[in-house]
Amino acid sequence: MADFLTVALVCAGSLSAPDCSRDTALDVAVAPAPTPIACLMQGETLAARSGLVRGHETYLKVACERRRTAALRPEAGPR
């Protein structure tokens, strides 16, 4: 299983880069990545293949996130 997620965010050109997030993006593409380097390289490829970026109206922001796993809780035994 890949340890990282590539997150390609397509944001409005009027939105500042620090404010561009999953919540404010116009489009979001997510894919697994095995390493941080692969993650960064894959982000631009995701956006280019999808045709999400539309000229000067939008811009691409690529983020790499460590994949989260749910913590396992032991089952409560009978009381």
PDB file of N, CA and C in Angstrom:
ATOM      1  N   MET A   1       0.842  -1.178   0.000  1.00  0.00           N
ATOM      2  CA  MET A   1       0.000   0.000   0.000  1.00  0.00           C
ATOM      3  C   MET A   1       0.887   1.241   0.000  1.00  0.00           C
ATOM      4  N   ALA A   2       0.486   2.234  -0.770  1.00  0.00           N
ATOM      5  CA  ALA A   2       1.232   3.490  -0.834  1.00  0.00           C
ATOM      6  C   ALA A   2       1.094   4.249   0.477  1.00  0.00           C
ATOM      7  N   ASP A   3       2.188   4.861   0.896  1.00  0.00           N
ATOM      8  CA  ASP A   3       2.185   5.604   2.155  1.00  0.00           C
ATOM      9  C   ASP A   3       1.719   7.044   2.008  1.00  0.00           C
ATOM     10  N   PHE A   4       1.646   7.537   0.763  1.00  0.00           N
ATOM     11  CA  PHE A   4       1.314   8.937   0.523  1.00  0.00           C
ATOM     12  C   PHE A   4       0.134   9.065  -0.424  1.00  0.00           C
ATOM     13  N   LEU A   5      -0.499  10.216  -0.374  1.00  0.00           N
ATOM     14  CA  LEU A   5      -1.559  10.555  -1.315  1.00  0.00           C
ATOM     15  C   LEU A   5      -1.160  11.826  -2.046  1.00  0.00           C
ATOM     16  N   THR A   6      -1.266  11.791  -3.357  1.00  0.00           N
ATOM     17  CA  THR A   6      -1.101  12.999  -4.158  1.00  0.00           C
ATOM     18  C   THR A   6      -2.451  13.687  -4.190  1.00  0.00           C
ATOM     19  N   VAL A   7      -2.461  14.962  -3.830  1.00  0.00           N
ATOM     20  CA  VAL A   7      -3.696  15.739  -3.858  1.00  0.00           C
ATOM     21  C   VAL A   7      -3.464  16.911  -4.813  1.00  0.00           C
ATOM     22  N   ALA A   8      -4.142  16.873  -5.950  1.00  0.00           N
ATOM     23  CA  ALA A   8      -4.044  17.947  -6.938  1.00  0.00           C
ATOM     24  C   ALA A   8      -5.275  18.836  -6.772  1.00  0.00           C
ATOM     25  N   LEU A   9      -5.035  20.079  -6.404  1.00  0.00           N
ATOM     26  CA  LEU A   9      -6.118  21.033  -6.172  1.00  0.00           C
ATOM     27  C   LEU A   9      -6.148  22.044  -7.305  1.00  0.00           C
ATOM     28  N   VAL A  10      -7.286  22.236  -7.905  1.00  0.00           N
ATOM     29  CA  VAL A  10      -7.458  23.262  -8.931  1.00  0.00           C
ATOM     30  C   VAL A  10      -8.262  24.382  -8.286  1.00  0.00           C
ATOM     31  N   CYS A  11      -7.614  25.534  -8.148  1.00  0.00           N
ATOM     32  CA  CYS A  11      -8.240  26.656  -7.447  1.00  0.00           C
ATOM     33  C   CYS A  11      -8.449  27.838  -8.372  1.00  0.00           C
ATOM     34  N   ALA A  12      -9.424  28.669  -8.029  1.00  0.00           N
ATOM     35  CA  ALA A  12      -9.712  29.884  -8.798  1.00  0.00           C
ATOM     36  C   ALA A  12      -8.514  30.822  -8.738  1.00  0.00           C
ATOM     37  N   GLY A  13      -8.235  31.477  -9.846  1.00  0.00           N
ATOM     38  CA  GLY A  13      -7.111  32.397  -9.915  1.00  0.00           C
ATOM     39  C   GLY A  13      -7.209  33.533  -8.913  1.00  0.00           C
ATOM     40  N   SER A  14      -8.401  33.840  -8.472  1.00  0.00           N
ATOM     41  CA  SER A  14      -8.599  34.926  -7.512  1.00  0.00           C
ATOM     42  C   SER A  14      -8.327  34.492  -6.066  1.00  0.00           C
ATOM     43  N   LEU A  15      -8.131  33.195  -5.836  1.00  0.00           N
ATOM     44  CA  LEU A  15      -7.893  32.665  -4.495  1.00  0.00           C
ATOM     45  C   LEU A  15      -6.392  32.605  -4.226  1.00  0.00           C
ATOM     46  N   SER A  16      -5.957  33.105  -3.075  1.00  0.00           N
ATOM     47  CA  SER A  16      -4.522  33.060  -2.764  1.00  0.00           C
ATOM     48  C   SER A  16      -4.100  31.622  -2.480  1.00  0.00           C
ATOM     49  N   ALA A  17      -2.851  31.308  -2.767  1.00  0.00           N
ATOM     50  CA  ALA A  17      -2.338  29.946  -2.596  1.00  0.00           C
ATOM     51  C   ALA A  17      -2.513  29.410  -1.171  1.00  0.00           C
ATOM     52  N   PRO A  18      -2.248  30.199  -0.124  1.00  0.00           N
ATOM     53  CA  PRO A  18      -2.451  29.662   1.228  1.00  0.00           C
ATOM     54  C   PRO A  18      -3.907  29.303   1.521  1.00  0.00           C
ATOM     55  N   ASP A  19      -4.848  29.936   0.818  1.00  0.00           N
ATOM     56  CA  ASP A  19      -6.270  29.673   1.043  1.00  0.00           C
ATOM     57  C   ASP A  19      -6.804  28.515   0.191  1.00  0.00           C
ATOM     58  N   CYS A  20      -5.978  28.020  -0.715  1.00  0.00           N
ATOM     59  CA  CYS A  20      -6.377  26.912  -1.586  1.00  0.00           C
ATOM     60  C   CYS A  20      -6.260  25.609  -0.796  1.00  0.00           C
ATOM     61  N   SER A  21      -7.400  24.932  -0.593  1.00  0.00           N
ATOM     62  CA  SER A  21      -7.430  23.691   0.177  1.00  0.00           C
ATOM     63  C   SER A  21      -8.465  22.755  -0.450  1.00  0.00           C
ATOM     64  N   ARG A  22      -8.604  21.577   0.111  1.00  0.00           N
ATOM     65  CA  ARG A  22      -9.629  20.646  -0.377  1.00  0.00           C
ATOM     66  C   ARG A  22     -11.020  21.266  -0.287  1.00  0.00           C
ATOM     67  N   ASP A  23     -11.229  22.099   0.720  1.00  0.00           N
ATOM     68  CA  ASP A  23     -12.546  22.710   0.916  1.00  0.00           C
ATOM     69  C   ASP A  23     -12.835  23.852  -0.053  1.00  0.00           C
ATOM     70  N   THR A  24     -11.796  24.567  -0.486  1.00  0.00           N
ATOM     71  CA  THR A  24     -12.013  25.740  -1.331  1.00  0.00           C
ATOM     72  C   THR A  24     -11.715  25.499  -2.812  1.00  0.00           C
ATOM     73  N   ALA A  25     -11.143  24.351  -3.141  1.00  0.00           N
ATOM     74  CA  ALA A  25     -10.767  24.060  -4.529  1.00  0.00           C
ATOM     75  C   ALA A  25     -11.999  23.852  -5.404  1.00  0.00           C
ATOM     76  N   LEU A  26     -11.861  24.188  -6.678  1.00  0.00           N
ATOM     77  CA  LEU A  26     -12.928  23.959  -7.647  1.00  0.00           C
ATOM     78  C   LEU A  26     -12.995  22.475  -8.009  1.00  0.00           C
ATOM     79  N   ASP A  27     -11.831  21.849  -8.110  1.00  0.00           N
ATOM     80  CA  ASP A  27     -11.728  20.427  -8.418  1.00  0.00           C
ATOM     81  C   ASP A  27     -10.606  19.824  -7.583  1.00  0.00           C
ATOM     82  N   VAL A  28     -10.748  18.559  -7.225  1.00  0.00           N
ATOM     83  CA  VAL A  28      -9.742  17.852  -6.445  1.00  0.00           C
ATOM     84  C   VAL A  28      -9.529  16.480  -7.063  1.00  0.00           C
ATOM     85  N   ALA A  29      -8.268  16.114  -7.281  1.00  0.00           N
ATOM     86  CA  ALA A  29      -7.930  14.770  -7.753  1.00  0.00           C
ATOM     87  C   ALA A  29      -6.977  14.166  -6.731  1.00  0.00           C
ATOM     88  N   VAL A  30      -7.235  12.921  -6.345  1.00  0.00           N
ATOM     89  CA  VAL A  30      -6.416  12.243  -5.337  1.00  0.00           C
ATOM     90  C   VAL A  30      -5.992  10.894  -5.878  1.00  0.00           C
ATOM     91  N   ALA A  31      -4.713  10.550  -5.662  1.00  0.00           N
ATOM     92  CA  ALA A  31      -4.196   9.254  -6.098  1.00  0.00           C
ATOM     93  C   ALA A  31      -3.100   8.804  -5.136  1.00  0.00           C
ATOM     94  N   PRO A  32      -2.939   7.497  -4.949  1.00  0.00           N
ATOM     95  CA  PRO A  32      -1.882   6.996  -4.072  1.00  0.00           C
ATOM     96  C   PRO A  32      -0.511   7.190  -4.708  1.00  0.00           C
ATOM     97  N   ALA A  33       0.502   7.356  -3.864  1.00  0.00           N
ATOM     98  CA  ALA A  33       1.883   7.519  -4.330  1.00  0.00           C
ATOM     99  C   ALA A  33       2.816   6.797  -3.362  1.00  0.00           C
ATOM    100  N   PRO A  34       3.838   6.119  -3.883  1.00  0.00           N
ATOM    101  CA  PRO A  34       4.729   5.358  -3.016  1.00  0.00           C
ATOM    102  C   PRO A  34       5.750   6.198  -2.252  1.00  0.00           C
ATOM    103  N   THR A  35       6.149   7.350  -2.811  1.00  0.00           N
ATOM    104  CA  THR A  35       7.166   8.198  -2.186  1.00  0.00           C
ATOM    105  C   THR A  35       6.779   9.671  -2.319  1.00  0.00           C
ATOM    106  N   PRO A  36       7.391  10.561  -1.520  1.00  0.00           N
ATOM    107  CA  PRO A  36       7.102  11.997  -1.667  1.00  0.00           C
ATOM    108  C   PRO A  36       7.473  12.540  -3.046  1.00  0.00           C
ATOM    109  N   ILE A  37       8.582  12.079  -3.615  1.00  0.00           N
ATOM    110  CA  ILE A  37       8.991  12.549  -4.948  1.00  0.00           C
ATOM    111  C   ILE A  37       7.961  12.129  -5.994  1.00  0.00           C
ATOM    112  N   ALA A  38       7.543  10.876  -5.942  1.00  0.00           N
ATOM    113  CA  ALA A  38       6.518  10.394  -6.876  1.00  0.00           C
ATOM    114  C   ALA A  38       5.230  11.176  -6.694  1.00  0.00           C
ATOM    115  N   CYS A  39       4.941  11.523  -5.475  1.00  0.00           N
ATOM    116  CA  CYS A  39       3.743  12.292  -5.164  1.00  0.00           C
ATOM    117  C   CYS A  39       3.748  13.629  -5.901  1.00  0.00           C
ATOM    118  N   LEU A  40       4.834  14.361  -5.794  1.00  0.00           N
ATOM    119  CA  LEU A  40       4.925  15.669  -6.450  1.00  0.00           C
ATOM    120  C   LEU A  40       4.876  15.550  -7.964  1.00  0.00           C
ATOM    121  N   MET A  41       5.576  14.565  -8.508  1.00  0.00           N
ATOM    122  CA  MET A  41       5.587  14.384  -9.961  1.00  0.00           C
ATOM    123  C   MET A  41       4.207  13.981 -10.471  1.00  0.00           C
ATOM    124  N   GLN A  42       3.511  13.187  -9.720  1.00  0.00           N
ATOM    125  CA  GLN A  42       2.208  12.683 -10.123  1.00  0.00           C
ATOM    126  C   GLN A  42       1.129  13.760 -10.121  1.00  0.00           C
ATOM    127  N   GLY A  43       1.260  14.758  -9.263  1.00  0.00           N
ATOM    128  CA  GLY A  43       0.246  15.801  -9.168  1.00  0.00           C
ATOM    129  C   GLY A  43       0.036  16.547 -10.461  1.00  0.00           C
ATOM    130  N   GLU A  44       1.109  16.945 -11.093  1.00  0.00           N
ATOM    131  CA  GLU A  44       0.987  17.669 -12.361  1.00  0.00           C
ATOM    132  C   GLU A  44       0.439  16.765 -13.453  1.00  0.00           C
ATOM    133  N   THR A  45       0.837  15.499 -13.419  1.00  0.00           N
ATOM    134  CA  THR A  45       0.334  14.545 -14.405  1.00  0.00           C
ATOM    135  C   THR A  45      -1.171  14.347 -14.247  1.00  0.00           C
ATOM    136  N   LEU A  46      -1.633  14.233 -13.008  1.00  0.00           N
ATOM    137  CA  LEU A  46      -3.076  14.093 -12.758  1.00  0.00           C
ATOM    138  C   LEU A  46      -3.853  15.255 -13.357  1.00  0.00           C
ATOM    139  N   ALA A  47      -3.385  16.455 -13.095  1.00  0.00           N
ATOM    140  CA  ALA A  47      -4.083  17.645 -13.582  1.00  0.00           C
ATOM    141  C   ALA A  47      -4.023  17.743 -15.112  1.00  0.00           C
ATOM    142  N   ALA A  48      -2.873  17.432 -15.684  1.00  0.00           N
ATOM    143  CA  ALA A  48      -2.723  17.532 -17.136  1.00  0.00           C
ATOM    144  C   ALA A  48      -3.629  16.530 -17.857  1.00  0.00           C
ATOM    145  N   ARG A  49      -3.689  15.326 -17.363  1.00  0.00           N
ATOM    146  CA  ARG A  49      -4.526  14.300 -17.998  1.00  0.00           C
ATOM    147  C   ARG A  49      -6.012  14.599 -17.880  1.00  0.00           C
ATOM    148  N   SER A  50      -6.390  15.220 -16.797  1.00  0.00           N
ATOM    149  CA  SER A  50      -7.813  15.470 -16.570  1.00  0.00           C
ATOM    150  C   SER A  50      -8.312  16.723 -17.275  1.00  0.00           C
ATOM    151  N   GLY A  51      -7.412  17.632 -17.635  1.00  0.00           N
ATOM    152  CA  GLY A  51      -7.828  18.879 -18.269  1.00  0.00           C
ATOM    153  C   GLY A  51      -8.523  19.823 -17.306  1.00  0.00           C
ATOM    154  N   LEU A  52      -8.231  19.692 -16.014  1.00  0.00           N
ATOM    155  CA  LEU A  52      -8.907  20.505 -15.003  1.00  0.00           C
ATOM    156  C   LEU A  52      -8.466  21.964 -15.005  1.00  0.00           C
ATOM    157  N   VAL A  53      -7.196  22.225 -15.288  1.00  0.00           N
ATOM    158  CA  VAL A  53      -6.681  23.597 -15.232  1.00  0.00           C
ATOM    159  C   VAL A  53      -7.114  24.331 -16.492  1.00  0.00           C
ATOM    160  N   ARG A  54      -7.736  25.491 -16.307  1.00  0.00           N
ATOM    161  CA  ARG A  54      -8.296  26.244 -17.432  1.00  0.00           C
ATOM    162  C   ARG A  54      -7.632  27.617 -17.559  1.00  0.00           C
ATOM    163  N   GLY A  55      -6.520  27.662 -18.252  1.00  0.00           N
ATOM    164  CA  GLY A  55      -5.849  28.924 -18.546  1.00  0.00           C
ATOM    165  C   GLY A  55      -5.535  29.757 -17.325  1.00  0.00           C
ATOM    166  N   HIS A  56      -5.776  31.064 -17.415  1.00  0.00           N
ATOM    167  CA  HIS A  56      -5.463  31.990 -16.329  1.00  0.00           C
ATOM    168  C   HIS A  56      -6.575  32.058 -15.286  1.00  0.00           C
ATOM    169  N   GLU A  57      -7.687  31.384 -15.562  1.00  0.00           N
ATOM    170  CA  GLU A  57      -8.818  31.403 -14.625  1.00  0.00           C
ATOM    171  C   GLU A  57      -8.535  30.585 -13.369  1.00  0.00           C
ATOM    172  N   THR A  58      -7.687  29.560 -13.510  1.00  0.00           N
ATOM    173  CA  THR A  58      -7.403  28.653 -12.398  1.00  0.00           C
ATOM    174  C   THR A  58      -5.910  28.373 -12.308  1.00  0.00           C
ATOM    175  N   TYR A  59      -5.498  27.784 -11.196  1.00  0.00           N
ATOM    176  CA  TYR A  59      -4.109  27.332 -11.057  1.00  0.00           C
ATOM    177  C   TYR A  59      -4.090  26.019 -10.294  1.00  0.00           C
ATOM    178  N   LEU A  60      -2.978  25.317 -10.420  1.00  0.00           N
ATOM    179  CA  LEU A  60      -2.813  24.015  -9.797  1.00  0.00           C
ATOM    180  C   LEU A  60      -1.957  24.127  -8.544  1.00  0.00           C
ATOM    181  N   LYS A  61      -2.399  23.480  -7.491  1.00  0.00           N
ATOM    182  CA  LYS A  61      -1.615  23.372  -6.266  1.00  0.00           C
ATOM    183  C   LYS A  61      -1.531  21.883  -5.942  1.00  0.00           C
ATOM    184  N   VAL A  62      -0.315  21.373  -5.778  1.00  0.00           N
ATOM    185  CA  VAL A  62      -0.120  19.956  -5.481  1.00  0.00           C
ATOM    186  C   VAL A  62       0.315  19.812  -4.031  1.00  0.00           C
ATOM    187  N   ALA A  63      -0.353  18.930  -3.329  1.00  0.00           N
ATOM    188  CA  ALA A  63       0.006  18.641  -1.941  1.00  0.00           C
ATOM    189  C   ALA A  63       0.229  17.141  -1.805  1.00  0.00           C
ATOM    190  N   CYS A  64       1.134  16.789  -0.932  1.00  0.00           N
ATOM    191  CA  CYS A  64       1.374  15.382  -0.627  1.00  0.00           C
ATOM    192  C   CYS A  64       0.998  15.165   0.824  1.00  0.00           C
ATOM    193  N   GLU A  65       0.145  14.198   1.032  1.00  0.00           N
ATOM    194  CA  GLU A  65      -0.316  13.899   2.384  1.00  0.00           C
ATOM    195  C   GLU A  65       0.081  12.480   2.752  1.00  0.00           C
ATOM    196  N   ARG A  66       0.443  12.297   3.987  1.00  0.00           N
ATOM    197  CA  ARG A  66       0.706  10.948   4.468  1.00  0.00           C
ATOM    198  C   ARG A  66      -0.647  10.263   4.647  1.00  0.00           C
ATOM    199  N   ARG A  67      -0.731   9.051   4.133  1.00  0.00           N
ATOM    200  CA  ARG A  67      -1.985   8.302   4.238  1.00  0.00           C
ATOM    201  C   ARG A  67      -2.281   8.033   5.703  1.00  0.00           C
ATOM    202  N   ARG A  68      -3.514   8.281   6.113  1.00  0.00           N
ATOM    203  CA  ARG A  68      -3.935   8.035   7.496  1.00  0.00           C
ATOM    204  C   ARG A  68      -4.531   6.645   7.601  1.00  0.00           C
ATOM    205  N   THR A  69      -4.244   5.998   8.694  1.00  0.00           N
ATOM    206  CA  THR A  69      -4.851   4.700   8.944  1.00  0.00           C
ATOM    207  C   THR A  69      -5.653   4.790  10.232  1.00  0.00           C
ATOM    208  N   ALA A  70      -6.714   4.085  10.257  1.00  0.00           N
ATOM    209  CA  ALA A  70      -7.564   4.090  11.452  1.00  0.00           C
ATOM    210  C   ALA A  70      -6.867   3.323  12.572  1.00  0.00           C
ATOM    211  N   ALA A  71      -6.917   3.862  13.746  1.00  0.00           N
ATOM    212  CA  ALA A  71      -6.342   3.181  14.901  1.00  0.00           C
ATOM    213  C   ALA A  71      -7.242   2.001  15.260  1.00  0.00           C
ATOM    214  N   LEU A  72      -6.620   0.898  15.500  1.00  0.00           N
ATOM    215  CA  LEU A  72      -7.396  -0.281  15.871  1.00  0.00           C
ATOM    216  C   LEU A  72      -7.642  -0.277  17.370  1.00  0.00           C
ATOM    217  N   ARG A  73      -8.887  -0.472  17.732  1.00  0.00           N
ATOM    218  CA  ARG A  73      -9.230  -0.535  19.157  1.00  0.00           C
ATOM    219  C   ARG A  73      -9.547  -1.981  19.478  1.00  0.00           C
ATOM    220  N   PRO A  74      -9.026  -2.463  20.581  1.00  0.00           N
ATOM    221  CA  PRO A  74      -9.359  -3.839  20.952  1.00  0.00           C
ATOM    222  C   PRO A  74     -10.849  -3.951  21.276  1.00  0.00           C
ATOM    223  N   GLU A  75     -11.399  -5.071  20.887  1.00  0.00           N
ATOM    224  CA  GLU A  75     -12.811  -5.331  21.180  1.00  0.00           C
ATOM    225  C   GLU A  75     -13.013  -5.405  22.685  1.00  0.00           C
ATOM    226  N   ALA A  76     -14.087  -4.834  23.138  1.00  0.00           N
ATOM    227  CA  ALA A  76     -14.415  -4.928  24.563  1.00  0.00           C
ATOM    228  C   ALA A  76     -14.952  -6.325  24.833  1.00  0.00           C
ATOM    229  N   GLY A  77     -14.382  -6.993  25.780  1.00  0.00           N
ATOM    230  CA  GLY A  77     -14.799  -8.359  26.108  1.00  0.00           C
ATOM    231  C   GLY A  77     -16.084  -8.339  26.934  1.00  0.00           C
ATOM    232  N   PRO A  78     -16.681  -9.500  27.131  1.00  0.00           N
ATOM    233  CA  PRO A  78     -17.912  -9.572  27.930  1.00  0.00           C
ATOM    234  C   PRO A  78     -17.645  -9.180  29.356  1.00  0.00           C
ATOM    235  N   ARG A  79     -18.613  -8.562  29.956  1.00  0.00           N
ATOM    236  CA  ARG A  79     -18.454  -8.099  31.345  1.00  0.00           C
ATOM    237  C   ARG A  79     -19.217  -8.959  32.289  1.00  0.00           C
TER     238      ARG A  79
END
